[in-house]
Protein backbone atom coordinates (compact mmCIF):
# COMPACT_ATOMS: atom_id res chain seq x y z
CA ARG A 1 14.06 -7.44 -39.68
CA SER A 2 10.46 -8.66 -39.22
CA PRO A 3 9.11 -11.53 -41.49
CA LEU A 4 7.55 -10.81 -44.56
CA ASP A 5 4.05 -10.62 -44.70
CA SER A 6 3.00 -11.88 -48.47
CA ASP A 7 -1.01 -10.69 -47.46
CA LEU A 8 -2.04 -8.30 -50.26
CA VAL A 9 -3.59 -5.81 -48.52
CA THR A 10 -3.00 -1.98 -47.95
CA ALA A 11 -2.52 -2.04 -44.04
CA HIS A 12 0.09 -4.39 -42.23
CA SER A 13 0.97 -4.21 -38.62
CA VAL A 14 4.38 -5.72 -37.18
CA THR A 15 4.80 -6.88 -33.95
CA LEU A 16 8.40 -6.52 -32.17
CA THR A 17 10.15 -7.83 -29.38
CA GLY A 18 13.24 -7.50 -27.60
CA LEU A 19 13.13 -3.82 -27.80
CA ARG A 20 15.32 -1.81 -24.94
CA LEU A 21 13.21 0.74 -22.92
CA HIS A 22 14.07 4.47 -23.22
CA GLN A 23 16.11 3.28 -26.77
CA VAL A 24 14.68 5.45 -29.80
CA TYR A 25 14.86 3.10 -33.28
CA GLU A 26 14.62 3.69 -36.63
CA TYR A 27 12.59 2.11 -39.19
CA ARG A 28 11.46 1.28 -42.98
CA ALA A 29 9.05 0.21 -44.66
CA LEU A 30 9.35 -2.28 -47.63
CA SER A 31 6.00 -2.87 -49.96
CA ARG A 32 6.14 -5.09 -52.70
CA ASP A 33 2.74 -5.72 -55.19
CA GLU A 34 1.94 -8.97 -56.68
CA CYS A 35 3.61 -8.14 -60.10
CA GLY A 36 7.52 -7.86 -57.52
CA ASN A 37 7.32 -4.11 -58.03
CA GLU A 38 8.88 -2.45 -54.75
CA GLN A 39 8.44 0.81 -52.62
CA VAL A 40 10.69 1.85 -49.74
CA SER A 41 9.85 4.30 -47.21
CA GLU A 42 11.34 6.89 -45.79
CA VAL A 43 13.22 6.39 -42.36
CA GLY A 44 10.95 7.06 -39.56
CA THR A 45 11.83 6.75 -35.71
CA PHE A 46 9.99 5.84 -32.44
CA ARG A 47 10.86 5.24 -28.87
CA VAL A 48 9.99 2.99 -26.29
CA ASP A 49 8.20 4.56 -23.82
CA ALA A 50 9.15 3.74 -20.18
CA PRO A 51 8.82 5.46 -16.39
CA ASP A 52 11.92 6.78 -14.97
CA LEU A 53 11.78 7.73 -11.33
CA THR A 54 13.92 9.65 -10.07
CA ILE A 55 14.95 11.34 -6.64
CA THR A 56 15.17 15.13 -7.10
CA VAL A 57 15.05 16.45 -3.53
CA LEU A 58 16.13 15.40 -0.41
CA GLN A 59 16.50 16.78 2.84
CA VAL A 60 18.01 15.46 5.93
CA PRO A 61 18.48 17.07 9.49
CA GLN A 62 22.03 18.37 9.96
CA GLU A 63 22.66 16.67 12.63
CA ILE A 64 20.83 13.80 14.50
CA TRP A 65 20.85 12.19 18.15
CA SER A 66 20.64 8.23 18.41
CA ASP A 67 17.50 7.15 19.48
CA THR A 68 15.60 9.94 18.58
CA GLN A 69 13.08 10.41 15.66
CA PHE A 70 13.87 13.03 13.18
CA ASP A 71 11.88 13.89 9.60
CA ILE A 72 13.12 13.56 6.31
CA THR A 73 11.86 14.66 3.16
CA TRP A 74 12.42 13.66 -0.28
CA GLN A 75 10.46 14.22 -3.83
CA VAL A 76 10.26 11.79 -6.54
CA LEU A 77 10.18 12.48 -9.93
CA ASN A 78 9.11 10.82 -12.92
CA ALA A 79 10.86 11.61 -15.76
CA GLY A 80 10.18 9.02 -18.24
CA THR A 81 7.68 8.85 -21.08
CA LEU A 82 4.98 6.54 -18.99
CA ARG A 83 3.09 6.63 -15.83
CA ALA A 84 4.23 4.21 -13.13
CA SER A 85 2.56 3.09 -10.34
CA ASN A 86 3.23 1.09 -6.66
CA TRP A 87 6.57 1.11 -6.17
CA ASN A 88 8.70 1.01 -2.36
CA ASP A 89 10.88 3.44 -1.00
CA ALA A 90 14.05 2.81 1.13
CA VAL A 91 16.28 5.02 3.47
CA TYR A 92 19.79 3.36 4.16
CA PHE A 93 22.04 4.96 7.05
CA SER A 94 25.94 4.44 5.55
CA GLN A 95 29.16 5.51 6.58
CA ASP A 96 29.32 6.29 3.02
CA ASP A 97 27.66 7.99 0.14
CA GLN A 98 27.41 4.66 -1.44
CA LEU A 99 24.87 1.81 -0.79
CA ASP A 100 26.23 -1.61 -0.02
CA GLY A 101 25.60 -4.78 1.87
CA SER A 102 27.03 -2.76 5.48
CA ASP A 103 24.30 0.11 5.26
CA TYR A 104 21.87 0.07 7.75
CA LEU A 105 18.20 -0.04 6.41
CA ALA A 106 15.89 2.58 8.32
CA GLY A 107 12.76 1.87 6.87
CA VAL A 108 10.66 0.99 4.08
CA PHE A 109 8.16 3.19 2.74
CA PRO A 110 5.73 1.69 0.05
CA PHE A 111 4.13 4.06 -2.63
CA VAL A 112 0.49 2.95 -3.27
CA GLY A 113 -0.82 5.40 -5.95
CA GLN A 114 -0.04 6.69 -9.79
CA LEU A 115 2.32 8.99 -10.89
CA ASP A 116 2.47 10.86 -14.72
CA PRO A 117 5.08 11.29 -16.70
CA GLY A 118 6.51 14.75 -15.56
CA GLN A 119 4.83 14.77 -12.08
CA SER A 120 6.58 14.22 -8.79
CA ILE A 121 5.93 13.51 -4.82
CA THR A 122 6.99 14.50 -1.69
CA ARG A 123 7.42 12.06 0.79
CA THR A 124 8.56 12.97 4.65
CA GLN A 125 8.83 10.28 7.12
CA VAL A 126 9.86 9.52 10.29
CA LEU A 127 12.84 7.82 10.68
CA THR A 128 15.39 6.64 14.27
CA ILE A 129 19.35 5.79 14.41
CA PRO A 130 19.76 3.25 17.07
CA ARG A 131 22.74 3.84 19.26
CA GLU A 132 24.61 0.79 17.89
CA ARG A 133 24.33 2.10 14.52
CA ILE A 134 26.37 5.46 15.38
CA GLN A 135 30.50 4.27 16.10
CA PRO A 136 31.69 6.80 16.24
CA GLU A 137 30.17 9.25 16.01
CA GLY A 138 30.40 11.83 13.06
CA THR A 139 29.75 12.32 9.42
CA TYR A 140 27.30 9.99 7.91
CA TYR A 141 24.84 9.81 5.11
CA LEU A 142 21.39 8.71 4.47
CA ILE A 143 20.39 7.55 1.12
CA VAL A 144 16.99 7.36 -0.36
CA PHE A 145 16.34 4.45 -2.96
CA THR A 146 13.18 4.95 -4.91
CA ASP A 147 11.87 1.95 -6.32
CA SER A 148 14.27 0.25 -4.23
CA SER A 149 12.71 -3.67 -4.34
CA ASN A 150 12.46 -2.59 -8.91
CA THR A 151 8.85 -3.45 -9.49
CA VAL A 152 8.60 -0.64 -11.75
CA ALA A 153 10.50 -1.33 -15.13
CA GLU A 154 12.43 1.30 -16.40
CA GLY A 155 15.23 -0.06 -18.81
CA GLU A 156 18.77 1.17 -19.06
CA ARG A 157 17.09 4.15 -16.46
CA GLU A 158 17.82 2.09 -13.28
CA ASP A 159 20.93 4.00 -12.47
CA ASN A 160 19.17 6.98 -11.06
CA ASN A 161 17.20 6.07 -8.19
CA ARG A 162 19.10 6.77 -5.38
CA LEU A 163 20.42 10.14 -3.70
CA ALA A 164 22.74 10.70 -0.52
CA ARG A 165 22.96 13.52 1.51
CA ALA A 166 25.38 14.02 4.60
CA LEU A 167 24.70 14.43 8.23
CA THR A 168 26.52 14.74 11.22
CA ALA A 169 25.16 11.54 13.80
CA ARG A 170 25.86 11.93 17.80
CA ARG A 171 25.19 8.98 20.07
CA VAL A 172 22.96 10.15 23.19
CA PRO A 173 24.69 10.19 26.28
CA LEU A 174 23.82 7.08 28.64
CA PRO A 175 23.45 8.10 32.21
CA ASP A 176 26.66 7.04 34.64
CA LEU A 177 24.68 5.89 37.75
CA THR A 178 26.86 5.91 40.46
CA VAL A 179 26.61 5.22 44.39
CA PRO A 180 28.30 7.94 46.30
CA GLN A 181 27.99 6.05 49.65
CA VAL A 182 26.76 3.18 51.62
CA GLN A 183 25.43 3.03 54.84
């Protein structure tokens, strides 16, 4: 409920606070004239608009080698109803498809610009995974986390900012120097 505006005018406005993003609300207006006659409007609805950044595509190589550059490509879609601007995407190297404190931050990539509702951008970056992060060789995951520093207010839609893809990670063999003989 909003406070009663007792001014006898034909146009009123109300500011509502504490509303949640991406939420649909119903409302009705009550009007009372100076004689005490009341009229109640039909139920109307409105939605609180917000951006909603989500990763729709993530392409990673099938196999990578330690200390060797490779490309990763992802697409960020603004599935929300407001423009999003200026955020960071982070890429993590992980032993599973869940992001946690044990994962290796492979890179942070700022996006400077704006993304209107319904639009998407495709980003390609070069990564290198250090040899010591691949122990043992086998299946690992690259996790892309859009808006990783949480600068874009998405309300309850912060749950779709990550996407993971599996790949095989191998260690480049180290040289094995030997002395065959000494004279």
